[in-house]
Structure formats: structure tokens, C-alpha cells
């Protein structure tokens, strides 16, 4: 007899929310290009930290870097040495691995905003000689291994356990690892997908907004929601929406313009900041 389906489940395909943030360099255009890379990378870290606050606990943090053309900011064909960096903590899963090969592993006591800022600085400051006409740039920031705060635990737990269906693997009532911390209950991967996966990419391919030409460059954040708790309407989705609002207040906006709001997101705070 087939087990009864659970109310919540792991998606077969991730649900994605994509945000963008533009930069107007203005008088900062004369700065060292690597200094500008630091500005955009730290902006990305602040957004990741705001998104995670009270919702997501990162267990690893990845940073990749690339060569970029000085004039047009186009990525070069070859990679710099030590192009892939992977930050772990004693709490990281024993089998956690970087998305990419040849990772330089950094170990830190905890993974928080401060340690992510430090990792970005280390990656950009790590010495390597660029070819003439190129400069070092960050490429991606990645959070692939996560815990997520369980909404309404009294509703979802049965005898202290959480079981959900895994649509991707066609499994029913999969037991989910839980951790209790500071009066909250956190859940993490049991089969394939972690609750959330986060990625920020540098040098995105412009913007769909009519004001795109007013900005010198854009970065893009992809929030992959893998479990229904935080996507479908309810307390979990409200938690995610609150986290998104914190990021929008930092100058981000939906990468796809909402219908009926030409030239922006319809939120004065959700545009892009000039850097001077």
C-alpha cells in the first residue's frame, strides 16, 4: 500500500527568484578595477547575509574568480591560478564539496557575513599577474549547502519528526534531519536537494529594464527554492518574502520587470545605487 502523501514536498525542479543590482560608477570610474570588484562583491555578500538572516544558515561558501577585459569587462578565455575557493566550517557536511574542481579550501570557525567578506577579500587580494589589458574579477558567489528555518513546527512535526515527499526521487515520507537552536528548528538535506541554494554572478548580461544604459554594470542573484515550505503560500513563504524585502531595500530589484512598471520595479528603494 502506497504511503499517504505529505502536505509539503521537495520539488522536482527548483523554483527560482532572480534579482539584479546595477552600479553607476560616476567619479569612481577612475578607481583601480580590482577596487571596483571589491565594491560589487561586498555588496553581494551584504545581500546574501540579509537574505539568510533568520531564514537560512549557510554551511559552505564558494567564490570563483576570472580575468576580465579592462575596456569592455568581457571575461577572458583562460582562468587565473587558484580560480576556485571553498569556505567550510566544522559544521559543514563531511561530504560537502565545491561545485567546481581544483578548490582552494578555507576553513573558518563560523560562516557569517564577516567571514564571507573576509573570504572575498582573500580571493581578490591573492596575488596573480594579469595579462596586459586584463584585470582580476570575482565571477560567482555560491551557497550550496544550507539549513533552513522550519515554519510552524507544531504543524509540521509529528512525534518530533519531519517527513516530506521527494518528488524528484519519487520517494514518500522521507525523514528530514532537524536541529534545534536558539528556540528555532532548522531542516536540511536528506536526499539530493538542500532547502535553498544561492548564487550571485558578476558581469551579468545587462538588464531588461529601459534604464539599463544608465548603469555601468550589473550583478545578479539567483535564489533557488527547493522545498515547498518556503514557496507555496503560508508562513514559510511569508518568511521568504520578508527576507526578499530586506534585500530590495539594499538597491536590488527583480531581474524581470513586473508588468505595468516600465523603467523600474515600482519600488523607489528597489533600484540601484550610484557609487561615488
C-alpha atoms as a PDB file:
ATOM      1  CA  UNK A   1       0.000   0.000   0.000  1.00  0.00           C
ATOM      2  CA  UNK A   2       1.345   3.412  -1.023  1.00  0.00           C
ATOM      3  CA  UNK A   3       2.159   5.791   1.874  1.00  0.00           C
ATOM      4  CA  UNK A   4      -0.103   8.792   2.269  1.00  0.00           C
ATOM      5  CA  UNK A   5       1.280  11.901   0.543  1.00  0.00           C
ATOM      6  CA  UNK A   6       2.622  14.646   2.780  1.00  0.00           C
ATOM      7  CA  UNK A   7       1.441  18.247   2.692  1.00  0.00           C
ATOM      8  CA  UNK A   8       4.894  19.592   1.824  1.00  0.00           C
ATOM      9  CA  UNK A   9       7.498  18.206  -0.526  1.00  0.00           C
ATOM     10  CA  UNK A  10      10.825  18.601  -2.320  1.00  0.00           C
ATOM     11  CA  UNK A  11      10.316  19.980  -5.814  1.00  0.00           C
ATOM     12  CA  UNK A  12      11.310  18.015  -8.880  1.00  0.00           C
ATOM     13  CA  UNK A  13      12.746  21.257 -10.281  1.00  0.00           C
ATOM     14  CA  UNK A  14      13.863  24.260  -8.257  1.00  0.00           C
ATOM     15  CA  UNK A  15      11.723  27.397  -8.136  1.00  0.00           C
ATOM     16  CA  UNK A  16      13.903  30.415  -8.844  1.00  0.00           C
ATOM     17  CA  UNK A  17      13.739  34.068  -7.855  1.00  0.00           C
ATOM     18  CA  UNK A  18      16.212  36.262  -9.735  1.00  0.00           C
ATOM     19  CA  UNK A  19      17.245  39.748  -8.602  1.00  0.00           C
ATOM     20  CA  UNK A  20      19.655  42.250 -10.088  1.00  0.00           C
ATOM     21  CA  UNK A  21      21.593  45.270  -8.878  1.00  0.00           C
ATOM     22  CA  UNK A  22      23.148  47.913 -11.068  1.00  0.00           C
ATOM     23  CA  UNK A  23      26.123  50.177 -10.404  1.00  0.00           C
ATOM     24  CA  UNK A  24      26.763  53.693 -11.688  1.00  0.00           C
ATOM     25  CA  UNK A  25      30.439  54.320 -11.180  1.00  0.00           C
ATOM     26  CA  UNK A  26      30.445  58.074 -11.785  1.00  0.00           C
ATOM     27  CA  UNK A  27      33.616  59.536 -10.313  1.00  0.00           C
ATOM     28  CA  UNK A  28      34.571  56.032  -9.133  1.00  0.00           C
ATOM     29  CA  UNK A  29      35.219  55.020 -12.754  1.00  0.00           C
ATOM     30  CA  UNK A  30      38.829  56.105 -12.296  1.00  0.00           C
ATOM     31  CA  UNK A  31      39.405  53.687  -9.416  1.00  0.00           C
ATOM     32  CA  UNK A  32      41.540  50.604  -9.770  1.00  0.00           C
ATOM     33  CA  UNK A  33      39.330  47.951 -11.467  1.00  0.00           C
ATOM     34  CA  UNK A  34      40.039  45.430  -8.701  1.00  0.00           C
ATOM     35  CA  UNK A  35      38.847  48.004  -6.155  1.00  0.00           C
ATOM     36  CA  UNK A  36      35.546  48.230  -8.015  1.00  0.00           C
ATOM     37  CA  UNK A  37      35.373  44.425  -7.957  1.00  0.00           C
ATOM     38  CA  UNK A  38      35.613  44.612  -4.181  1.00  0.00           C
ATOM     39  CA  UNK A  39      32.716  47.069  -4.036  1.00  0.00           C
ATOM     40  CA  UNK A  40      30.399  44.824  -6.060  1.00  0.00           C
ATOM     41  CA  UNK A  41      31.480  41.633  -4.272  1.00  0.00           C
ATOM     42  CA  UNK A  42      30.902  43.124  -0.807  1.00  0.00           C
ATOM     43  CA  UNK A  43      27.519  44.414  -1.956  1.00  0.00           C
ATOM     44  CA  UNK A  44      26.679  40.839  -2.972  1.00  0.00           C
ATOM     45  CA  UNK A  45      27.812  39.475   0.408  1.00  0.00           C
ATOM     46  CA  UNK A  46      25.665  42.010   2.283  1.00  0.00           C
ATOM     47  CA  UNK A  47      22.651  40.936   0.248  1.00  0.00           C
ATOM     48  CA  UNK A  48      23.304  37.244   0.902  1.00  0.00           C
ATOM     49  CA  UNK A  49      23.647  37.905   4.624  1.00  0.00           C
ATOM     50  CA  UNK A  50      20.405  39.902   4.704  1.00  0.00           C
ATOM     51  CA  UNK A  51      18.567  37.192   2.819  1.00  0.00           C
ATOM     52  CA  UNK A  52      19.840  34.488   5.162  1.00  0.00           C
ATOM     53  CA  UNK A  53      19.045  36.336   8.404  1.00  0.00           C
ATOM     54  CA  UNK A  54      16.650  34.184  10.433  1.00  0.00           C
ATOM     55  CA  UNK A  55      15.810  32.028   7.398  1.00  0.00           C
ATOM     56  CA  UNK A  56      18.903  30.260   6.038  1.00  0.00           C
ATOM     57  CA  UNK A  57      22.075  29.010   7.706  1.00  0.00           C
ATOM     58  CA  UNK A  58      24.865  28.596   5.133  1.00  0.00           C
ATOM     59  CA  UNK A  59      27.203  25.652   5.711  1.00  0.00           C
ATOM     60  CA  UNK A  60      29.648  26.418   2.877  1.00  0.00           C
ATOM     61  CA  UNK A  61      30.565  29.438   0.765  1.00  0.00           C
ATOM     62  CA  UNK A  62      32.139  29.344  -2.678  1.00  0.00           C
ATOM     63  CA  UNK A  63      33.965  32.137  -4.518  1.00  0.00           C
ATOM     64  CA  UNK A  64      35.315  31.907  -8.054  1.00  0.00           C
ATOM     65  CA  UNK A  65      37.377  34.460  -9.941  1.00  0.00           C
ATOM     66  CA  UNK A  66      38.226  35.225 -13.552  1.00  0.00           C
ATOM     67  CA  UNK A  67      40.198  37.504 -15.842  1.00  0.00           C
ATOM     68  CA  UNK A  68      38.171  40.373 -17.317  1.00  0.00           C
ATOM     69  CA  UNK A  69      38.971  42.756 -20.155  1.00  0.00           C
ATOM     70  CA  UNK A  70      39.734  46.274 -18.852  1.00  0.00           C
ATOM     71  CA  UNK A  71      37.871  48.109 -21.604  1.00  0.00           C
ATOM     72  CA  UNK A  72      34.663  46.126 -22.045  1.00  0.00           C
ATOM     73  CA  UNK A  73      34.559  43.937 -18.899  1.00  0.00           C
ATOM     74  CA  UNK A  74      34.340  40.811 -21.037  1.00  0.00           C
ATOM     75  CA  UNK A  75      35.560  37.564 -19.417  1.00  0.00           C
ATOM     76  CA  UNK A  76      38.804  36.222 -20.855  1.00  0.00           C
ATOM     77  CA  UNK A  77      39.103  32.685 -22.227  1.00  0.00           C
ATOM     78  CA  UNK A  78      41.652  31.493 -19.688  1.00  0.00           C
ATOM     79  CA  UNK A  79      41.345  31.336 -15.902  1.00  0.00           C
ATOM     80  CA  UNK A  80      43.643  32.812 -13.277  1.00  0.00           C
ATOM     81  CA  UNK A  81      45.545  30.445 -10.979  1.00  0.00           C
ATOM     82  CA  UNK A  82      43.625  29.393  -7.868  1.00  0.00           C
ATOM     83  CA  UNK A  83      40.386  30.411  -9.518  1.00  0.00           C
ATOM     84  CA  UNK A  84      38.066  28.393  -7.256  1.00  0.00           C
ATOM     85  CA  UNK A  85      37.815  28.905  -3.465  1.00  0.00           C
ATOM     86  CA  UNK A  86      35.635  26.988  -0.998  1.00  0.00           C
ATOM     87  CA  UNK A  87      34.946  28.045   2.602  1.00  0.00           C
ATOM     88  CA  UNK A  88      33.996  25.383   5.153  1.00  0.00           C
ATOM     89  CA  UNK A  89      33.424  25.236   8.924  1.00  0.00           C
ATOM     90  CA  UNK A  90      33.456  22.393  11.474  1.00  0.00           C
ATOM     91  CA  UNK A  91      29.652  22.311  10.996  1.00  0.00           C
ATOM     92  CA  UNK A  92      29.867  21.744   7.218  1.00  0.00           C
ATOM     93  CA  UNK A  93      28.666  18.344   5.989  1.00  0.00           C
ATOM     94  CA  UNK A  94      31.561  15.845   5.867  1.00  0.00           C
ATOM     95  CA  UNK A  95      30.821  15.176   2.198  1.00  0.00           C
ATOM     96  CA  UNK A  96      30.499  18.856   1.203  1.00  0.00           C
ATOM     97  CA  UNK A  97      32.403  19.600  -1.975  1.00  0.00           C
ATOM     98  CA  UNK A  98      32.785  22.632  -4.190  1.00  0.00           C
ATOM     99  CA  UNK A  99      30.606  22.861  -7.284  1.00  0.00           C
ATOM    100  CA  UNK A 100      33.799  23.134  -9.329  1.00  0.00           C
ATOM    101  CA  UNK A 101      37.159  21.352  -9.424  1.00  0.00           C
ATOM    102  CA  UNK A 102      40.526  22.426  -8.023  1.00  0.00           C
ATOM    103  CA  UNK A 103      39.117  24.198  -4.972  1.00  0.00           C
ATOM    104  CA  UNK A 104      41.328  26.135  -2.572  1.00  0.00           C
ATOM    105  CA  UNK A 105      39.761  25.256   0.791  1.00  0.00           C
ATOM    106  CA  UNK A 106      39.495  27.901   3.521  1.00  0.00           C
ATOM    107  CA  UNK A 107      38.476  26.752   6.987  1.00  0.00           C
ATOM    108  CA  UNK A 108      36.752  29.180   9.356  1.00  0.00           C
ATOM    109  CA  UNK A 109      35.104  28.795  12.752  1.00  0.00           C
ATOM    110  CA  UNK A 110      31.711  30.098  11.638  1.00  0.00           C
ATOM    111  CA  UNK A 111      30.158  31.158   8.365  1.00  0.00           C
ATOM    112  CA  UNK A 112      28.570  34.592   8.691  1.00  0.00           C
ATOM    113  CA  UNK A 113      28.683  37.960   6.955  1.00  0.00           C
ATOM    114  CA  UNK A 114      32.087  38.837   8.404  1.00  0.00           C
ATOM    115  CA  UNK A 115      33.713  35.575   7.321  1.00  0.00           C
ATOM    116  CA  UNK A 116      32.204  35.865   3.829  1.00  0.00           C
ATOM    117  CA  UNK A 117      33.599  39.406   3.493  1.00  0.00           C
ATOM    118  CA  UNK A 118      36.992  38.104   4.609  1.00  0.00           C
ATOM    119  CA  UNK A 119      36.874  35.283   2.052  1.00  0.00           C
ATOM    120  CA  UNK A 120      36.064  37.700  -0.772  1.00  0.00           C
ATOM    121  CA  UNK A 121      38.969  39.948   0.249  1.00  0.00           C
ATOM    122  CA  UNK A 122      41.322  36.984   0.355  1.00  0.00           C
ATOM    123  CA  UNK A 123      40.302  35.819  -3.110  1.00  0.00           C
ATOM    124  CA  UNK A 124      40.681  39.271  -4.671  1.00  0.00           C
ATOM    125  CA  UNK A 125      43.939  40.005  -2.820  1.00  0.00           C
ATOM    126  CA  UNK A 126      45.555  36.661  -3.659  1.00  0.00           C
ATOM    127  CA  UNK A 127      48.439  37.663  -5.958  1.00  0.00           C
ATOM    128  CA  UNK A 128      48.463  36.669  -9.598  1.00  0.00           C
ATOM    129  CA  UNK A 129      49.801  38.508 -12.639  1.00  0.00           C
ATOM    130  CA  UNK A 130      47.211  39.623 -15.169  1.00  0.00           C
ATOM    131  CA  UNK A 131      47.934  39.879 -18.883  1.00  0.00           C
ATOM    132  CA  UNK A 132      48.110  43.361 -20.313  1.00  0.00           C
ATOM    133  CA  UNK A 133      44.606  44.767 -20.758  1.00  0.00           C
ATOM    134  CA  UNK A 134      43.012  42.363 -18.241  1.00  0.00           C
ATOM    135  CA  UNK A 135      42.248  42.571 -14.527  1.00  0.00           C
ATOM    136  CA  UNK A 136      41.197  40.137 -11.831  1.00  0.00           C
ATOM    137  CA  UNK A 137      37.467  39.928 -11.079  1.00  0.00           C
ATOM    138  CA  UNK A 138      35.198  37.747  -8.994  1.00  0.00           C
ATOM    139  CA  UNK A 139      32.900  35.515 -11.019  1.00  0.00           C
ATOM    140  CA  UNK A 140      30.420  33.737  -8.716  1.00  0.00           C
ATOM    141  CA  UNK A 141      29.487  33.609  -5.042  1.00  0.00           C
ATOM    142  CA  UNK A 142      27.814  30.315  -4.137  1.00  0.00           C
ATOM    143  CA  UNK A 143      25.951  28.944  -1.126  1.00  0.00           C
ATOM    144  CA  UNK A 144      25.002  25.360  -1.994  1.00  0.00           C
ATOM    145  CA  UNK A 145      24.811  23.647   1.433  1.00  0.00           C
ATOM    146  CA  UNK A 146      22.149  25.074   3.744  1.00  0.00           C
ATOM    147  CA  UNK A 147      19.911  24.647   6.753  1.00  0.00           C
ATOM    148  CA  UNK A 148      16.565  26.462   6.610  1.00  0.00           C
ATOM    149  CA  UNK A 149      14.296  27.560   9.438  1.00  0.00           C
ATOM    150  CA  UNK A 150      11.186  25.415   9.576  1.00  0.00           C
ATOM    151  CA  UNK A 151       7.949  27.447   9.627  1.00  0.00           C
ATOM    152  CA  UNK A 152       5.175  26.432  12.004  1.00  0.00           C
ATOM    153  CA  UNK A 153       6.988  23.410  13.509  1.00  0.00           C
ATOM    154  CA  UNK A 154       3.991  22.476  15.660  1.00  0.00           C
ATOM    155  CA  UNK A 155       2.013  21.991  12.477  1.00  0.00           C
ATOM    156  CA  UNK A 156       4.613  20.054  10.507  1.00  0.00           C
ATOM    157  CA  UNK A 157       6.263  17.846  13.117  1.00  0.00           C
ATOM    158  CA  UNK A 158       4.779  14.510  14.038  1.00  0.00           C
ATOM    159  CA  UNK A 159       6.195  12.947  17.223  1.00  0.00           C
ATOM    160  CA  UNK A 160       9.164  15.274  16.879  1.00  0.00           C
ATOM    161  CA  UNK A 161       9.919  14.123  13.323  1.00  0.00           C
ATOM    162  CA  UNK A 162       9.554  15.795   9.946  1.00  0.00           C
ATOM    163  CA  UNK A 163       8.730  13.675   6.911  1.00  0.00           C
ATOM    164  CA  UNK A 164       8.103  15.028   3.424  1.00  0.00           C
ATOM    165  CA  UNK A 165       7.796  13.644  -0.094  1.00  0.00           C
ATOM    166  CA  UNK A 166      10.713  13.890  -2.520  1.00  0.00           C
ATOM    167  CA  UNK A 167       9.142  14.383  -5.950  1.00  0.00           C
ATOM    168  CA  UNK A 168      12.498  14.351  -7.715  1.00  0.00           C
ATOM    169  CA  UNK A 169      13.398  10.864  -6.493  1.00  0.00           C
ATOM    170  CA  UNK A 170       9.802   9.596  -6.223  1.00  0.00           C
ATOM    171  CA  UNK A 171      10.220   8.913  -2.527  1.00  0.00           C
ATOM    172  CA  UNK A 172       7.466   9.257   0.059  1.00  0.00           C
ATOM    173  CA  UNK A 173       7.653  10.378   3.674  1.00  0.00           C
ATOM    174  CA  UNK A 174      11.414  10.911   3.707  1.00  0.00           C
ATOM    175  CA  UNK A 175      12.739  11.639   7.233  1.00  0.00           C
ATOM    176  CA  UNK A 176      14.398  15.068   7.328  1.00  0.00           C
ATOM    177  CA  UNK A 177      17.392  15.914   9.559  1.00  0.00           C
ATOM    178  CA  UNK A 178      16.468  18.553  12.146  1.00  0.00           C
ATOM    179  CA  UNK A 179      18.448  20.739  14.511  1.00  0.00           C
ATOM    180  CA  UNK A 180      17.129  22.827  17.385  1.00  0.00           C
ATOM    181  CA  UNK A 181      18.973  26.076  18.000  1.00  0.00           C
ATOM    182  CA  UNK A 182      18.002  29.223  19.921  1.00  0.00           C
ATOM    183  CA  UNK A 183      14.361  28.200  20.136  1.00  0.00           C
ATOM    184  CA  UNK A 184      14.087  27.539  16.400  1.00  0.00           C
ATOM    185  CA  UNK A 185      14.002  24.327  14.392  1.00  0.00           C
ATOM    186  CA  UNK A 186      16.162  24.013  11.281  1.00  0.00           C
ATOM    187  CA  UNK A 187      15.962  21.432   8.479  1.00  0.00           C
ATOM    188  CA  UNK A 188      18.491  20.274   5.912  1.00  0.00           C
ATOM    189  CA  UNK A 189      19.015  17.824   3.064  1.00  0.00           C
ATOM    190  CA  UNK A 190      18.010  14.185   3.395  1.00  0.00           C
ATOM    191  CA  UNK A 191      18.309  13.048  -0.224  1.00  0.00           C
ATOM    192  CA  UNK A 192      19.509  15.327  -3.030  1.00  0.00           C
ATOM    193  CA  UNK A 193      18.412  18.947  -2.663  1.00  0.00           C
ATOM    194  CA  UNK A 194      19.184  21.345   0.162  1.00  0.00           C
ATOM    195  CA  UNK A 195      16.278  23.664   1.104  1.00  0.00           C
ATOM    196  CA  UNK A 196      17.869  26.701  -0.582  1.00  0.00           C
ATOM    197  CA  UNK A 197      20.779  27.283  -2.938  1.00  0.00           C
ATOM    198  CA  UNK A 198      22.031  30.821  -3.574  1.00  0.00           C
ATOM    199  CA  UNK A 199      24.217  32.207  -6.335  1.00  0.00           C
ATOM    200  CA  UNK A 200      25.394  35.699  -7.230  1.00  0.00           C
ATOM    201  CA  UNK A 201      27.030  36.190 -10.620  1.00  0.00           C
ATOM    202  CA  UNK A 202      29.226  39.076 -11.706  1.00  0.00           C
ATOM    203  CA  UNK A 203      29.107  40.848 -15.068  1.00  0.00           C
ATOM    204  CA  UNK A 204      25.558  39.850 -15.921  1.00  0.00           C
ATOM    205  CA  UNK A 205      24.372  40.389 -19.491  1.00  0.00           C
ATOM    206  CA  UNK A 206      22.725  43.746 -18.875  1.00  0.00           C
ATOM    207  CA  UNK A 207      19.155  44.322 -17.785  1.00  0.00           C
ATOM    208  CA  UNK A 208      15.655  44.068 -19.231  1.00  0.00           C
ATOM    209  CA  UNK A 209      14.702  47.456 -17.784  1.00  0.00           C
ATOM    210  CA  UNK A 210      14.558  50.526 -20.043  1.00  0.00           C
ATOM    211  CA  UNK A 211      17.016  52.309 -17.737  1.00  0.00           C
ATOM    212  CA  UNK A 212      19.731  49.674 -18.274  1.00  0.00           C
ATOM    213  CA  UNK A 213      22.004  52.073 -20.193  1.00  0.00           C
ATOM    214  CA  UNK A 214      22.161  54.352 -17.158  1.00  0.00           C
ATOM    215  CA  UNK A 215      24.269  51.776 -15.301  1.00  0.00           C
ATOM    216  CA  UNK A 216      27.836  50.684 -15.904  1.00  0.00           C
ATOM    217  CA  UNK A 217      27.395  47.087 -14.784  1.00  0.00           C
ATOM    218  CA  UNK A 218      25.010  44.675 -13.101  1.00  0.00           C
ATOM    219  CA  UNK A 219      25.306  41.721 -10.774  1.00  0.00           C
ATOM    220  CA  UNK A 220      22.596  39.069 -10.462  1.00  0.00           C
ATOM    221  CA  UNK A 221      21.356  36.906  -7.588  1.00  0.00           C
ATOM    222  CA  UNK A 222      19.512  33.610  -8.123  1.00  0.00           C
ATOM    223  CA  UNK A 223      17.608  32.198  -5.159  1.00  0.00           C
ATOM    224  CA  UNK A 224      16.730  28.549  -5.776  1.00  0.00           C
ATOM    225  CA  UNK A 225      13.914  27.330  -3.543  1.00  0.00           C
ATOM    226  CA  UNK A 226      13.900  23.524  -3.496  1.00  0.00           C
ATOM    227  CA  UNK A 227      11.241  22.737  -0.881  1.00  0.00           C
ATOM    228  CA  UNK A 228       7.590  23.751  -0.885  1.00  0.00           C
ATOM    229  CA  UNK A 229       7.596  25.091   2.704  1.00  0.00           C
ATOM    230  CA  UNK A 230       9.039  28.426   1.555  1.00  0.00           C
ATOM    231  CA  UNK A 231       7.451  28.676  -1.886  1.00  0.00           C
ATOM    232  CA  UNK A 232       3.774  27.857  -1.544  1.00  0.00           C
ATOM    233  CA  UNK A 233       1.521  30.375   0.263  1.00  0.00           C
ATOM    234  CA  UNK A 234       1.814  30.201   4.032  1.00  0.00           C
ATOM    235  CA  UNK A 235       4.084  31.074   6.926  1.00  0.00           C
ATOM    236  CA  UNK A 236       7.239  29.866   5.167  1.00  0.00           C
ATOM    237  CA  UNK A 237       6.566  31.963   2.085  1.00  0.00           C
ATOM    238  CA  UNK A 238       5.961  34.960   4.346  1.00  0.00           C
ATOM    239  CA  UNK A 239       9.413  34.388   5.879  1.00  0.00           C
ATOM    240  CA  UNK A 240      10.978  34.331   2.410  1.00  0.00           C
ATOM    241  CA  UNK A 241       9.096  37.463   1.335  1.00  0.00           C
ATOM    242  CA  UNK A 242      10.362  39.323   4.404  1.00  0.00           C
ATOM    243  CA  UNK A 243      13.911  38.264   3.567  1.00  0.00           C
ATOM    244  CA  UNK A 244      13.478  39.418  -0.042  1.00  0.00           C
ATOM    245  CA  UNK A 245      12.196  42.784   1.141  1.00  0.00           C
ATOM    246  CA  UNK A 246      15.388  43.268   3.161  1.00  0.00           C
ATOM    247  CA  UNK A 247      17.436  42.673   0.011  1.00  0.00           C
ATOM    248  CA  UNK A 248      15.291  45.001  -2.102  1.00  0.00           C
ATOM    249  CA  UNK A 249      15.923  47.780   0.411  1.00  0.00           C
ATOM    250  CA  UNK A 250      19.631  47.462  -0.399  1.00  0.00           C
ATOM    251  CA  UNK A 251      19.108  48.519  -4.001  1.00  0.00           C
ATOM    252  CA  UNK A 252      18.207  45.226  -5.698  1.00  0.00           C
ATOM    253  CA  UNK A 253      15.175  44.674  -7.923  1.00  0.00           C
ATOM    254  CA  UNK A 254      13.527  41.733  -9.729  1.00  0.00           C
ATOM    255  CA  UNK A 255      15.588  40.887 -12.825  1.00  0.00           C
ATOM    256  CA  UNK A 256      12.385  40.677 -14.868  1.00  0.00           C
ATOM    257  CA  UNK A 257      10.388  43.937 -14.727  1.00  0.00           C
ATOM    258  CA  UNK A 258       6.919  43.368 -13.233  1.00  0.00           C
ATOM    259  CA  UNK A 259       4.076  44.023 -15.705  1.00  0.00           C
ATOM    260  CA  UNK A 260       2.971  47.637 -15.855  1.00  0.00           C
ATOM    261  CA  UNK A 261       6.106  49.096 -14.247  1.00  0.00           C
ATOM    262  CA  UNK A 262       8.273  50.308 -17.157  1.00  0.00           C
ATOM    263  CA  UNK A 263      11.703  51.516 -16.191  1.00  0.00           C
ATOM    264  CA  UNK A 264      11.768  50.043 -12.709  1.00  0.00           C
ATOM    265  CA  UNK A 265      10.366  47.700 -10.131  1.00  0.00           C
ATOM    266  CA  UNK A 266       7.715  50.088  -8.853  1.00  0.00           C
ATOM    267  CA  UNK A 267       9.639  50.482  -5.583  1.00  0.00           C
ATOM    268  CA  UNK A 268      11.837  53.537  -5.183  1.00  0.00           C
ATOM    269  CA  UNK A 269      14.061  51.601  -2.762  1.00  0.00           C
ATOM    270  CA  UNK A 270      14.470  48.687  -5.114  1.00  0.00           C
ATOM    271  CA  UNK A 271      16.529  50.405  -7.776  1.00  0.00           C
ATOM    272  CA  UNK A 272      20.313  50.693  -7.993  1.00  0.00           C
ATOM    273  CA  UNK A 273      22.693  52.966  -6.153  1.00  0.00           C
ATOM    274  CA  UNK A 274      25.307  55.274  -7.618  1.00  0.00           C
ATOM    275  CA  UNK A 275      28.849  54.810  -6.329  1.00  0.00           C
ATOM    276  CA  UNK A 276      30.921  57.939  -5.910  1.00  0.00           C
END
